[in-house]
C-alpha atoms as a PDB file:
ATOM      1  CA  UNK A   1       0.000   0.000   0.000  1.00  0.00           C
ATOM      2  CA  UNK A   2       1.550   3.308  -1.071  1.00  0.00           C
ATOM      3  CA  UNK A   3       1.470   6.668   0.730  1.00  0.00           C
ATOM      4  CA  UNK A   4      -1.529   8.026  -1.199  1.00  0.00           C
ATOM      5  CA  UNK A   5      -3.523   4.842  -0.577  1.00  0.00           C
ATOM      6  CA  UNK A   6      -2.744   5.065   3.153  1.00  0.00           C
ATOM      7  CA  UNK A   7      -3.853   8.692   3.210  1.00  0.00           C
ATOM      8  CA  UNK A   8      -7.101   7.922   1.365  1.00  0.00           C
ATOM      9  CA  UNK A   9      -7.851   4.884   3.538  1.00  0.00           C
ATOM     10  CA  UNK A  10      -7.523   6.856   6.759  1.00  0.00           C
ATOM     11  CA  UNK A  11      -9.323   9.872   5.290  1.00  0.00           C
ATOM     12  CA  UNK A  12     -12.232   7.541   4.508  1.00  0.00           C
ATOM     13  CA  UNK A  13     -12.201   6.251   8.082  1.00  0.00           C
ATOM     14  CA  UNK A  14     -12.013   9.795   9.444  1.00  0.00           C
ATOM     15  CA  UNK A  15     -14.781  11.021   7.165  1.00  0.00           C
ATOM     16  CA  UNK A  16     -17.315   8.305   7.927  1.00  0.00           C
ATOM     17  CA  UNK A  17     -16.938   8.040  11.692  1.00  0.00           C
ATOM     18  CA  UNK A  18     -18.498  10.202  14.375  1.00  0.00           C
ATOM     19  CA  UNK A  19     -18.209   9.988  18.119  1.00  0.00           C
ATOM     20  CA  UNK A  20     -14.488   9.724  18.753  1.00  0.00           C
ATOM     21  CA  UNK A  21     -12.015   6.881  18.975  1.00  0.00           C
ATOM     22  CA  UNK A  22     -14.212   4.100  20.321  1.00  0.00           C
ATOM     23  CA  UNK A  23     -16.837   4.756  17.674  1.00  0.00           C
ATOM     24  CA  UNK A  24     -14.064   4.431  15.067  1.00  0.00           C
ATOM     25  CA  UNK A  25     -13.017   0.950  16.196  1.00  0.00           C
ATOM     26  CA  UNK A  26     -15.617  -1.027  14.202  1.00  0.00           C
ATOM     27  CA  UNK A  27     -14.831   0.946  11.058  1.00  0.00           C
ATOM     28  CA  UNK A  28     -11.080   0.550  11.629  1.00  0.00           C
ATOM     29  CA  UNK A  29     -11.610  -3.186  12.083  1.00  0.00           C
ATOM     30  CA  UNK A  30     -13.698  -3.484   8.937  1.00  0.00           C
ATOM     31  CA  UNK A  31     -11.215  -1.554   6.796  1.00  0.00           C
ATOM     32  CA  UNK A  32      -7.892  -2.730   8.254  1.00  0.00           C
ATOM     33  CA  UNK A  33      -8.645  -6.362   9.088  1.00  0.00           C
ATOM     34  CA  UNK A  34     -11.476  -7.453   6.833  1.00  0.00           C
ATOM     35  CA  UNK A  35     -11.097  -5.324   3.683  1.00  0.00           C
ATOM     36  CA  UNK A  36      -7.370  -4.631   3.336  1.00  0.00           C
ATOM     37  CA  UNK A  37      -5.931  -7.419   5.534  1.00  0.00           C
ATOM     38  CA  UNK A  38      -3.324  -5.075   6.991  1.00  0.00           C
ATOM     39  CA  UNK A  39      -3.677  -6.697  10.433  1.00  0.00           C
ATOM     40  CA  UNK A  40      -5.040  -9.888  11.947  1.00  0.00           C
ATOM     41  CA  UNK A  41      -7.848  -9.594  14.528  1.00  0.00           C
ATOM     42  CA  UNK A  42      -5.367 -10.254  17.339  1.00  0.00           C
ATOM     43  CA  UNK A  43      -2.878  -7.684  16.002  1.00  0.00           C
ATOM     44  CA  UNK A  44      -5.736  -5.201  15.728  1.00  0.00           C
ATOM     45  CA  UNK A  45      -6.793  -5.793  19.352  1.00  0.00           C
ATOM     46  CA  UNK A  46      -3.186  -5.334  20.486  1.00  0.00           C
ATOM     47  CA  UNK A  47      -2.834  -2.186  18.381  1.00  0.00           C
ATOM     48  CA  UNK A  48      -5.957  -0.668  19.930  1.00  0.00           C
ATOM     49  CA  UNK A  49      -4.759  -1.575  23.428  1.00  0.00           C
ATOM     50  CA  UNK A  50      -1.395   0.041  22.668  1.00  0.00           C
ATOM     51  CA  UNK A  51      -3.126   3.119  21.246  1.00  0.00           C
ATOM     52  CA  UNK A  52      -5.106   3.361  24.499  1.00  0.00           C
ATOM     53  CA  UNK A  53      -2.038   3.534  26.725  1.00  0.00           C
ATOM     54  CA  UNK A  54      -0.212   6.108  24.619  1.00  0.00           C
ATOM     55  CA  UNK A  55      -1.107   9.800  24.849  1.00  0.00           C
ATOM     56  CA  UNK A  56      -3.528  11.113  22.264  1.00  0.00           C
ATOM     57  CA  UNK A  57      -6.733  10.044  20.566  1.00  0.00           C
ATOM     58  CA  UNK A  58      -7.059   6.343  19.777  1.00  0.00           C
ATOM     59  CA  UNK A  59      -7.912   6.871  16.085  1.00  0.00           C
ATOM     60  CA  UNK A  60      -4.944   9.150  15.558  1.00  0.00           C
ATOM     61  CA  UNK A  61      -2.555   6.799  17.360  1.00  0.00           C
ATOM     62  CA  UNK A  62      -3.828   3.819  15.372  1.00  0.00           C
ATOM     63  CA  UNK A  63      -3.500   5.639  12.030  1.00  0.00           C
ATOM     64  CA  UNK A  64       0.023   6.772  12.879  1.00  0.00           C
ATOM     65  CA  UNK A  65       1.058   3.298  14.024  1.00  0.00           C
ATOM     66  CA  UNK A  66      -0.312   1.482  10.975  1.00  0.00           C
ATOM     67  CA  UNK A  67       1.035   4.127   8.604  1.00  0.00           C
ATOM     68  CA  UNK A  68       4.492   3.767  10.161  1.00  0.00           C
ATOM     69  CA  UNK A  69       4.266  -0.021  10.058  1.00  0.00           C
ATOM     70  CA  UNK A  70       3.402   0.029   6.339  1.00  0.00           C
ATOM     71  CA  UNK A  71       5.579   2.866   4.996  1.00  0.00           C
ATOM     72  CA  UNK A  72       7.818   4.280   7.706  1.00  0.00           C
ATOM     73  CA  UNK A  73       7.800   7.963   8.648  1.00  0.00           C
ATOM     74  CA  UNK A  74       5.978   9.036   5.473  1.00  0.00           C
ATOM     75  CA  UNK A  75       3.322   6.391   6.055  1.00  0.00           C
ATOM     76  CA  UNK A  76       2.856   7.604   9.632  1.00  0.00           C
ATOM     77  CA  UNK A  77       2.440  11.151   8.342  1.00  0.00           C
ATOM     78  CA  UNK A  78      -0.021  10.005   5.651  1.00  0.00           C
ATOM     79  CA  UNK A  79      -2.098   8.026   8.173  1.00  0.00           C
ATOM     80  CA  UNK A  80      -2.113  10.901  10.656  1.00  0.00           C
ATOM     81  CA  UNK A  81      -3.087  13.498   8.058  1.00  0.00           C
ATOM     82  CA  UNK A  82      -5.638  11.168   6.508  1.00  0.00           C
ATOM     83  CA  UNK A  83      -7.532  10.503   9.716  1.00  0.00           C
ATOM     84  CA  UNK A  84      -7.440  14.161  10.829  1.00  0.00           C
ATOM     85  CA  UNK A  85      -8.199  15.973   7.555  1.00  0.00           C
ATOM     86  CA  UNK A  86     -11.960  15.203   7.532  1.00  0.00           C
ATOM     87  CA  UNK A  87     -12.529  16.165  11.164  1.00  0.00           C
ATOM     88  CA  UNK A  88     -10.511  19.368  10.827  1.00  0.00           C
ATOM     89  CA  UNK A  89     -12.394  20.311   7.660  1.00  0.00           C
ATOM     90  CA  UNK A  90     -15.755  19.425   9.170  1.00  0.00           C
ATOM     91  CA  UNK A  91     -14.886  21.190  12.442  1.00  0.00           C
ATOM     92  CA  UNK A  92     -13.940  24.388  10.635  1.00  0.00           C
ATOM     93  CA  UNK A  93     -17.150  24.210   8.601  1.00  0.00           C
ATOM     94  CA  UNK A  94     -19.237  23.757  11.735  1.00  0.00           C
ATOM     95  CA  UNK A  95     -17.449  26.636  13.461  1.00  0.00           C
ATOM     96  CA  UNK A  96     -18.126  28.937  10.510  1.00  0.00           C
ATOM     97  CA  UNK A  97     -21.784  27.976  10.028  1.00  0.00           C
ATOM     98  CA  UNK A  98     -22.820  27.071  13.594  1.00  0.00           C
ATOM     99  CA  UNK A  99     -24.500  30.370  14.370  1.00  0.00           C
ATOM    100  CA  UNK A 100     -26.572  30.171  11.195  1.00  0.00           C
ATOM    101  CA  UNK A 101     -27.718  26.551  11.681  1.00  0.00           C
ATOM    102  CA  UNK A 102     -27.799  26.242  15.448  1.00  0.00           C
ATOM    103  CA  UNK A 103     -31.609  26.276  15.615  1.00  0.00           C
ATOM    104  CA  UNK A 104     -32.184  24.424  12.315  1.00  0.00           C
ATOM    105  CA  UNK A 105     -34.590  21.502  12.854  1.00  0.00           C
ATOM    106  CA  UNK A 106     -32.876  19.364  10.220  1.00  0.00           C
ATOM    107  CA  UNK A 107     -29.476  19.792  11.887  1.00  0.00           C
ATOM    108  CA  UNK A 108     -30.962  18.967  15.306  1.00  0.00           C
ATOM    109  CA  UNK A 109     -32.659  15.864  13.889  1.00  0.00           C
ATOM    110  CA  UNK A 110     -29.437  14.708  12.229  1.00  0.00           C
ATOM    111  CA  UNK A 111     -27.526  15.070  15.493  1.00  0.00           C
ATOM    112  CA  UNK A 112     -30.242  13.145  17.353  1.00  0.00           C
ATOM    113  CA  UNK A 113     -29.778  10.322  14.824  1.00  0.00           C
ATOM    114  CA  UNK A 114     -26.003  10.340  15.122  1.00  0.00           C
ATOM    115  CA  UNK A 115     -26.013   9.906  18.925  1.00  0.00           C
ATOM    116  CA  UNK A 116     -27.631   6.436  19.040  1.00  0.00           C
ATOM    117  CA  UNK A 117     -25.590   5.330  16.040  1.00  0.00           C
ATOM    118  CA  UNK A 118     -22.437   6.342  17.900  1.00  0.00           C
ATOM    119  CA  UNK A 119     -23.569   4.373  20.934  1.00  0.00           C
ATOM    120  CA  UNK A 120     -24.150   1.347  18.678  1.00  0.00           C
ATOM    121  CA  UNK A 121     -20.627   1.669  17.259  1.00  0.00           C
ATOM    122  CA  UNK A 122     -19.146   1.847  20.754  1.00  0.00           C
ATOM    123  CA  UNK A 123     -21.187  -1.230  21.762  1.00  0.00           C
ATOM    124  CA  UNK A 124     -19.785  -2.989  18.687  1.00  0.00           C
ATOM    125  CA  UNK A 125     -16.268  -2.174  19.910  1.00  0.00           C
ATOM    126  CA  UNK A 126     -17.129  -3.644  23.329  1.00  0.00           C
ATOM    127  CA  UNK A 127     -18.310  -6.863  21.666  1.00  0.00           C
ATOM    128  CA  UNK A 128     -15.123  -7.023  19.569  1.00  0.00           C
ATOM    129  CA  UNK A 129     -12.923  -6.743  22.658  1.00  0.00           C
ATOM    130  CA  UNK A 130     -15.021  -9.280  24.550  1.00  0.00           C
ATOM    131  CA  UNK A 131     -14.534 -11.667  21.611  1.00  0.00           C
ATOM    132  CA  UNK A 132     -10.767 -11.167  21.577  1.00  0.00           C
ATOM    133  CA  UNK A 133     -10.114 -11.167  25.312  1.00  0.00           C
ATOM    134  CA  UNK A 134     -12.897 -12.512  27.558  1.00  0.00           C
ATOM    135  CA  UNK A 135     -14.194 -15.449  25.556  1.00  0.00           C
ATOM    136  CA  UNK A 136     -12.393 -18.546  24.286  1.00  0.00           C
ATOM    137  CA  UNK A 137     -14.308 -18.383  20.986  1.00  0.00           C
ATOM    138  CA  UNK A 138     -16.166 -15.595  19.166  1.00  0.00           C
ATOM    139  CA  UNK A 139     -19.670 -14.850  20.444  1.00  0.00           C
ATOM    140  CA  UNK A 140     -21.221 -15.837  17.108  1.00  0.00           C
ATOM    141  CA  UNK A 141     -20.126 -19.442  17.776  1.00  0.00           C
ATOM    142  CA  UNK A 142     -22.450 -19.480  20.768  1.00  0.00           C
ATOM    143  CA  UNK A 143     -25.400 -19.366  18.367  1.00  0.00           C
ATOM    144  CA  UNK A 144     -24.017 -20.918  15.197  1.00  0.00           C
ATOM    145  CA  UNK A 145     -22.701 -24.238  16.540  1.00  0.00           C
ATOM    146  CA  UNK A 146     -24.526 -24.648  19.787  1.00  0.00           C
ATOM    147  CA  UNK A 147     -21.622 -23.151  21.745  1.00  0.00           C
ATOM    148  CA  UNK A 148     -19.592 -26.349  22.153  1.00  0.00           C
ATOM    149  CA  UNK A 149     -16.264 -24.478  21.966  1.00  0.00           C
ATOM    150  CA  UNK A 150     -17.489 -21.333  23.659  1.00  0.00           C
ATOM    151  CA  UNK A 151     -16.251 -20.446  27.120  1.00  0.00           C
ATOM    152  CA  UNK A 152     -14.902 -17.708  29.348  1.00  0.00           C
ATOM    153  CA  UNK A 153     -11.230 -16.953  29.783  1.00  0.00           C
ATOM    154  CA  UNK A 154     -11.250 -16.878  33.584  1.00  0.00           C
ATOM    155  CA  UNK A 155      -8.041 -14.842  33.901  1.00  0.00           C
ATOM    156  CA  UNK A 156      -9.248 -12.104  31.560  1.00  0.00           C
ATOM    157  CA  UNK A 157     -12.690 -12.180  33.198  1.00  0.00           C
ATOM    158  CA  UNK A 158     -11.109 -11.719  36.635  1.00  0.00           C
ATOM    159  CA  UNK A 159      -9.064  -8.728  35.428  1.00  0.00           C
ATOM    160  CA  UNK A 160     -12.188  -7.275  33.791  1.00  0.00           C
ATOM    161  CA  UNK A 161     -14.239  -7.685  36.980  1.00  0.00           C
ATOM    162  CA  UNK A 162     -11.543  -6.129  39.188  1.00  0.00           C
ATOM    163  CA  UNK A 163     -11.178  -3.121  36.871  1.00  0.00           C
ATOM    164  CA  UNK A 164     -14.950  -2.579  36.594  1.00  0.00           C
ATOM    165  CA  UNK A 165     -15.343  -2.818  40.379  1.00  0.00           C
ATOM    166  CA  UNK A 166     -12.380  -0.505  41.099  1.00  0.00           C
ATOM    167  CA  UNK A 167     -13.646   2.084  38.617  1.00  0.00           C
ATOM    168  CA  UNK A 168     -17.209   1.877  39.944  1.00  0.00           C
ATOM    169  CA  UNK A 169     -16.260   1.892  43.635  1.00  0.00           C
ATOM    170  CA  UNK A 170     -13.294   4.264  43.775  1.00  0.00           C
ATOM    171  CA  UNK A 171     -13.275   6.102  40.400  1.00  0.00           C
ATOM    172  CA  UNK A 172      -9.612   5.170  39.918  1.00  0.00           C
ATOM    173  CA  UNK A 173      -7.326   6.920  37.496  1.00  0.00           C
ATOM    174  CA  UNK A 174      -7.278   5.012  34.194  1.00  0.00           C
ATOM    175  CA  UNK A 175      -3.493   5.010  34.039  1.00  0.00           C
ATOM    176  CA  UNK A 176      -3.315   3.183  37.373  1.00  0.00           C
ATOM    177  CA  UNK A 177      -6.018   0.757  36.254  1.00  0.00           C
ATOM    178  CA  UNK A 178      -4.031  -0.053  33.110  1.00  0.00           C
ATOM    179  CA  UNK A 179      -0.820  -0.598  35.075  1.00  0.00           C
ATOM    180  CA  UNK A 180      -2.653  -2.724  37.638  1.00  0.00           C
ATOM    181  CA  UNK A 181      -4.225  -4.742  34.810  1.00  0.00           C
ATOM    182  CA  UNK A 182      -0.831  -5.376  33.233  1.00  0.00           C
ATOM    183  CA  UNK A 183       0.567  -6.452  36.606  1.00  0.00           C
ATOM    184  CA  UNK A 184      -2.401  -8.766  37.248  1.00  0.00           C
ATOM    185  CA  UNK A 185      -1.964 -10.253  33.770  1.00  0.00           C
ATOM    186  CA  UNK A 186       1.716 -10.921  34.433  1.00  0.00           C
ATOM    187  CA  UNK A 187       0.863 -12.642  37.691  1.00  0.00           C
ATOM    188  CA  UNK A 188      -2.073 -14.629  36.330  1.00  0.00           C
ATOM    189  CA  UNK A 189      -0.633 -15.633  32.950  1.00  0.00           C
ATOM    190  CA  UNK A 190       3.075 -16.076  33.717  1.00  0.00           C
ATOM    191  CA  UNK A 191       2.828 -17.817  37.077  1.00  0.00           C
ATOM    192  CA  UNK A 192       1.394 -21.312  36.605  1.00  0.00           C
ATOM    193  CA  UNK A 193      -1.701 -21.891  38.731  1.00  0.00           C
END
């Protein structure tokens, strides 16, 4: 994939996604894993996890990482510019015309339609990560083959439960939750039980 193709791929992703990084994940997955086969599902899950622990928006980090992986520094630049060009253009357009369309019923209706769609995209990302980390087989196997190979990864489920509880109970800083999760994973996966 050349520099222009990288730019256009990430511009397409940036143009057709609303709602931030988590809403972009299903579209990233569709384009990068299923359409262009740039990553496997496991590599994609690892890339998103890595993008989460590095500073900056997840979509931008992912585009930069994949661009660099495919074409070095120029690929990273193409991916970064590609994913940001649509939002910058759209953002400038909104800033210029916001006063004129702020009370427009059509604009309000469109935004009311985008909100639930964004929630659906984020829910899709949750299902993707559950498939790649919590379950021993994809969720669709539960229905397609009677679930004979379906099960829970108890270690991942324990880490998930601890993080959800800690966030709910104490509103912990996400950085500390990520470090604690990595430490728990090292203890649970590397030490034989």
